């Protein structure tokens, strides 16, 4: 299963990050490859920054809700990825996917510590 979320225009505007409307954050959860990918095009529109985490090394999922939208931070052994101004429902869905995946794998998936 693959789930993708992108920063919303309303959340970017409401949270003072309107400059990023041309280069929003994209978060992809892929349960088949067991990866979480956060992509963001550079403000110069030339390159793309990409962070990839493996499911097995997640230590914490943090959702910071705002009046409009929410930020999600996923901390893993050796690093952290953050995607800003996603919809609240997308952040909740990502958390549900990761928690369900963890419970179905019976300990061989995510390791929360």
C-alpha atoms as a PDB file:
ATOM      1  CA  UNK A   1       0.000   0.000   0.000  1.00  0.00           C
ATOM      2  CA  UNK A   2       1.206   3.474  -0.841  1.00  0.00           C
ATOM      3  CA  UNK A   3      -0.175   6.671   0.726  1.00  0.00           C
ATOM      4  CA  UNK A   4       0.831  10.168  -0.372  1.00  0.00           C
ATOM      5  CA  UNK A   5       0.159  13.506   1.325  1.00  0.00           C
ATOM      6  CA  UNK A   6       1.041  17.029   0.182  1.00  0.00           C
ATOM      7  CA  UNK A   7       1.051  20.383   1.950  1.00  0.00           C
ATOM      8  CA  UNK A   8      -2.202  22.250   1.383  1.00  0.00           C
ATOM      9  CA  UNK A   9      -2.384  25.815   0.067  1.00  0.00           C
ATOM     10  CA  UNK A  10      -4.693  26.877   2.922  1.00  0.00           C
ATOM     11  CA  UNK A  11      -2.381  25.480   5.607  1.00  0.00           C
ATOM     12  CA  UNK A  12       0.700  27.074   4.031  1.00  0.00           C
ATOM     13  CA  UNK A  13      -1.032  30.470   3.905  1.00  0.00           C
ATOM     14  CA  UNK A  14      -2.511  30.232   7.413  1.00  0.00           C
ATOM     15  CA  UNK A  15       0.820  29.226   8.968  1.00  0.00           C
ATOM     16  CA  UNK A  16       2.941  31.918   7.322  1.00  0.00           C
ATOM     17  CA  UNK A  17       4.706  29.618   4.867  1.00  0.00           C
ATOM     18  CA  UNK A  18       3.116  31.031   1.707  1.00  0.00           C
ATOM     19  CA  UNK A  19       6.568  31.249   0.064  1.00  0.00           C
ATOM     20  CA  UNK A  20       6.542  27.436  -0.029  1.00  0.00           C
ATOM     21  CA  UNK A  21       3.295  27.202  -2.010  1.00  0.00           C
ATOM     22  CA  UNK A  22       5.265  26.601  -5.225  1.00  0.00           C
ATOM     23  CA  UNK A  23       7.414  23.994  -3.477  1.00  0.00           C
ATOM     24  CA  UNK A  24       5.194  22.085  -1.002  1.00  0.00           C
ATOM     25  CA  UNK A  25       6.256  19.132   1.123  1.00  0.00           C
ATOM     26  CA  UNK A  26       5.315  15.635  -0.090  1.00  0.00           C
ATOM     27  CA  UNK A  27       5.224  12.689   2.295  1.00  0.00           C
ATOM     28  CA  UNK A  28       4.956   9.134   0.952  1.00  0.00           C
ATOM     29  CA  UNK A  29       4.364   6.054   3.123  1.00  0.00           C
ATOM     30  CA  UNK A  30       5.017   2.811   1.259  1.00  0.00           C
ATOM     31  CA  UNK A  31       4.219  -0.323   3.276  1.00  0.00           C
ATOM     32  CA  UNK A  32       5.440  -2.650   0.510  1.00  0.00           C
ATOM     33  CA  UNK A  33       8.958  -1.177   0.546  1.00  0.00           C
ATOM     34  CA  UNK A  34       8.709  -0.314   4.262  1.00  0.00           C
ATOM     35  CA  UNK A  35       9.810   3.278   3.697  1.00  0.00           C
ATOM     36  CA  UNK A  36       8.722   6.822   4.484  1.00  0.00           C
ATOM     37  CA  UNK A  37       9.873   9.457   2.006  1.00  0.00           C
ATOM     38  CA  UNK A  38       9.708  13.238   2.468  1.00  0.00           C
ATOM     39  CA  UNK A  39      10.346  15.282  -0.688  1.00  0.00           C
ATOM     40  CA  UNK A  40      10.549  19.029  -1.206  1.00  0.00           C
ATOM     41  CA  UNK A  41      11.662  20.945  -4.261  1.00  0.00           C
ATOM     42  CA  UNK A  42      14.276  23.613  -3.524  1.00  0.00           C
ATOM     43  CA  UNK A  43      13.114  27.232  -3.604  1.00  0.00           C
ATOM     44  CA  UNK A  44      15.331  27.736  -6.669  1.00  0.00           C
ATOM     45  CA  UNK A  45      13.131  25.093  -8.413  1.00  0.00           C
ATOM     46  CA  UNK A  46      16.247  23.290  -9.672  1.00  0.00           C
ATOM     47  CA  UNK A  47      16.690  20.325  -7.331  1.00  0.00           C
ATOM     48  CA  UNK A  48      14.686  18.146  -4.952  1.00  0.00           C
ATOM     49  CA  UNK A  49      15.603  17.301  -1.358  1.00  0.00           C
ATOM     50  CA  UNK A  50      14.573  13.803  -0.321  1.00  0.00           C
ATOM     51  CA  UNK A  51      14.760  12.012   3.030  1.00  0.00           C
ATOM     52  CA  UNK A  52      13.950   8.302   3.259  1.00  0.00           C
ATOM     53  CA  UNK A  53      13.423   6.368   6.506  1.00  0.00           C
ATOM     54  CA  UNK A  54      12.938   2.666   7.056  1.00  0.00           C
ATOM     55  CA  UNK A  55       9.891   1.598   9.111  1.00  0.00           C
ATOM     56  CA  UNK A  56      11.939  -0.581  11.406  1.00  0.00           C
ATOM     57  CA  UNK A  57      13.805   2.291  12.972  1.00  0.00           C
ATOM     58  CA  UNK A  58      10.996   4.708  13.918  1.00  0.00           C
ATOM     59  CA  UNK A  59      11.257   5.944  17.480  1.00  0.00           C
ATOM     60  CA  UNK A  60       8.538   8.593  17.580  1.00  0.00           C
ATOM     61  CA  UNK A  61       5.686  10.077  15.578  1.00  0.00           C
ATOM     62  CA  UNK A  62       4.735  13.638  16.534  1.00  0.00           C
ATOM     63  CA  UNK A  63       1.798  15.544  15.058  1.00  0.00           C
ATOM     64  CA  UNK A  64       1.629  19.294  15.722  1.00  0.00           C
ATOM     65  CA  UNK A  65      -1.879  20.508  14.850  1.00  0.00           C
ATOM     66  CA  UNK A  66      -2.554  24.136  13.934  1.00  0.00           C
ATOM     67  CA  UNK A  67      -5.803  25.999  13.358  1.00  0.00           C
ATOM     68  CA  UNK A  68      -5.516  24.942   9.709  1.00  0.00           C
ATOM     69  CA  UNK A  69      -3.320  21.954   8.887  1.00  0.00           C
ATOM     70  CA  UNK A  70      -0.714  20.052  10.863  1.00  0.00           C
ATOM     71  CA  UNK A  71       2.993  19.241  10.844  1.00  0.00           C
ATOM     72  CA  UNK A  72       4.246  15.687  11.253  1.00  0.00           C
ATOM     73  CA  UNK A  73       7.661  14.708  12.578  1.00  0.00           C
ATOM     74  CA  UNK A  74       8.900  11.146  12.379  1.00  0.00           C
ATOM     75  CA  UNK A  75      12.002  10.423  14.410  1.00  0.00           C
ATOM     76  CA  UNK A  76      14.122   7.406  13.646  1.00  0.00           C
ATOM     77  CA  UNK A  77      17.431   6.055  14.810  1.00  0.00           C
ATOM     78  CA  UNK A  78      19.958   8.324  13.106  1.00  0.00           C
ATOM     79  CA  UNK A  79      17.606  11.062  11.946  1.00  0.00           C
ATOM     80  CA  UNK A  80      14.326  12.908  11.819  1.00  0.00           C
ATOM     81  CA  UNK A  81      12.052  13.904   8.937  1.00  0.00           C
ATOM     82  CA  UNK A  82       9.393  16.584   9.071  1.00  0.00           C
ATOM     83  CA  UNK A  83       6.668  17.562   6.631  1.00  0.00           C
ATOM     84  CA  UNK A  84       4.863  20.848   7.218  1.00  0.00           C
ATOM     85  CA  UNK A  85       1.326  22.082   6.577  1.00  0.00           C
ATOM     86  CA  UNK A  86      -0.296  18.771   5.662  1.00  0.00           C
ATOM     87  CA  UNK A  87      -3.997  18.331   6.258  1.00  0.00           C
ATOM     88  CA  UNK A  88      -4.945  17.083   9.721  1.00  0.00           C
ATOM     89  CA  UNK A  89      -6.725  14.089   8.224  1.00  0.00           C
ATOM     90  CA  UNK A  90      -3.622  13.098   6.229  1.00  0.00           C
ATOM     91  CA  UNK A  91      -1.463  13.236   9.379  1.00  0.00           C
ATOM     92  CA  UNK A  92      -3.954  11.086  11.285  1.00  0.00           C
ATOM     93  CA  UNK A  93      -4.091   8.631   8.366  1.00  0.00           C
ATOM     94  CA  UNK A  94      -0.277   8.362   8.280  1.00  0.00           C
ATOM     95  CA  UNK A  95      -0.224   7.649  12.013  1.00  0.00           C
ATOM     96  CA  UNK A  96      -2.938   4.998  11.599  1.00  0.00           C
ATOM     97  CA  UNK A  97      -1.075   3.323   8.736  1.00  0.00           C
ATOM     98  CA  UNK A  98       2.147   3.136  10.743  1.00  0.00           C
ATOM     99  CA  UNK A  99       0.440   1.923  13.915  1.00  0.00           C
ATOM    100  CA  UNK A 100      -1.613  -0.711  12.043  1.00  0.00           C
ATOM    101  CA  UNK A 101       1.480  -1.888  10.188  1.00  0.00           C
ATOM    102  CA  UNK A 102       3.295  -2.223  13.509  1.00  0.00           C
ATOM    103  CA  UNK A 103       0.525  -4.289  15.091  1.00  0.00           C
ATOM    104  CA  UNK A 104       0.155  -6.582  12.052  1.00  0.00           C
ATOM    105  CA  UNK A 105       3.864  -7.344  11.866  1.00  0.00           C
ATOM    106  CA  UNK A 106       3.950  -8.611  15.476  1.00  0.00           C
ATOM    107  CA  UNK A 107       7.176  -6.966  16.458  1.00  0.00           C
ATOM    108  CA  UNK A 108       9.099  -7.329  13.211  1.00  0.00           C
ATOM    109  CA  UNK A 109       7.987  -3.889  11.968  1.00  0.00           C
ATOM    110  CA  UNK A 110       8.314  -0.554  13.733  1.00  0.00           C
ATOM    111  CA  UNK A 111      10.249  -0.458  16.956  1.00  0.00           C
ATOM    112  CA  UNK A 112       8.948   2.330  19.202  1.00  0.00           C
ATOM    113  CA  UNK A 113      11.299   3.012  22.080  1.00  0.00           C
END
